[in-house]
């Protein structure tokens, strides 16, 4: 549970995952779905720029936050 802003952000992430991945991918099995989800999350967090964090990826944003000397 969180505040409405946090809940809204979580809901937006879920909506984005459903739009960009789940609705556009055909899965042959549960194992295939799991593999494809892992691939998509790697893309979403490590490759895809996010407007809400200045065009960075979540991975880069976290690195900058926790290790500011590496910027």
Protein backbone atom coordinates (compact mmCIF):
# COMPACT_ATOMS: atom_id res chain seq x y z
CA UNK A 1 0.00 0.00 0.00
CA UNK A 2 1.14 3.48 -0.71
CA UNK A 3 -0.12 6.90 -1.45
CA UNK A 4 -2.22 7.57 -4.56
CA UNK A 5 0.80 8.87 -6.50
CA UNK A 6 2.77 5.66 -5.84
CA UNK A 7 -0.21 3.50 -6.75
CA UNK A 8 -0.68 5.47 -9.96
CA UNK A 9 2.94 4.93 -10.94
CA UNK A 10 2.67 1.19 -10.30
CA UNK A 11 -0.54 1.01 -12.32
CA UNK A 12 1.13 2.87 -15.20
CA UNK A 13 4.06 0.42 -15.24
CA UNK A 14 1.64 -2.50 -15.38
CA UNK A 15 -0.34 -0.84 -18.19
CA UNK A 16 2.86 -0.21 -20.16
CA UNK A 17 4.00 -3.82 -19.73
CA UNK A 18 0.61 -5.05 -20.92
CA UNK A 19 0.61 -2.71 -23.94
CA UNK A 20 4.22 -3.20 -25.06
CA UNK A 21 4.72 -6.85 -24.23
CA UNK A 22 1.79 -9.01 -23.27
CA UNK A 23 -0.70 -7.86 -25.91
CA UNK A 24 1.88 -8.10 -28.71
CA UNK A 25 3.45 -11.46 -27.94
CA UNK A 26 2.08 -14.94 -28.57
CA UNK A 27 3.17 -17.47 -25.97
CA UNK A 28 3.53 -21.18 -26.65
CA UNK A 29 3.76 -22.18 -23.00
CA UNK A 30 4.14 -20.90 -19.47
CA UNK A 31 7.91 -21.35 -19.74
CA UNK A 32 7.95 -19.31 -22.98
CA UNK A 33 5.94 -16.52 -21.28
CA UNK A 34 8.41 -16.48 -18.38
CA UNK A 35 11.40 -16.29 -20.74
CA UNK A 36 9.83 -13.49 -22.77
CA UNK A 37 8.93 -11.53 -19.64
CA UNK A 38 12.54 -11.70 -18.48
CA UNK A 39 13.72 -10.47 -21.90
CA UNK A 40 11.17 -7.65 -21.90
CA UNK A 41 12.08 -6.51 -18.39
CA UNK A 42 15.75 -6.38 -19.36
CA UNK A 43 14.78 -4.17 -22.30
CA UNK A 44 12.37 -2.03 -20.24
CA UNK A 45 14.86 -1.40 -17.43
CA UNK A 46 18.14 -1.36 -19.32
CA UNK A 47 17.52 -0.13 -22.86
CA UNK A 48 14.25 1.80 -23.16
CA UNK A 49 14.54 5.51 -22.24
CA UNK A 50 11.84 6.81 -19.89
CA UNK A 51 10.48 10.33 -20.26
CA UNK A 52 9.64 10.59 -16.56
CA UNK A 53 13.30 10.28 -15.58
CA UNK A 54 14.81 12.60 -18.14
CA UNK A 55 15.26 10.11 -20.96
CA UNK A 56 17.38 7.76 -18.86
CA UNK A 57 16.77 4.07 -18.36
CA UNK A 58 15.78 2.94 -14.86
CA UNK A 59 19.10 1.11 -14.64
CA UNK A 60 21.13 4.27 -15.33
CA UNK A 61 18.92 6.32 -12.98
CA UNK A 62 19.63 3.88 -10.13
CA UNK A 63 23.35 3.80 -10.88
CA UNK A 64 23.46 7.60 -10.83
CA UNK A 65 21.51 7.68 -7.59
CA UNK A 66 23.57 5.11 -5.69
CA UNK A 67 26.96 5.85 -7.28
CA UNK A 68 26.96 9.57 -8.17
CA UNK A 69 30.75 9.55 -8.63
CA UNK A 70 30.36 7.36 -11.77
CA UNK A 71 28.36 9.96 -13.72
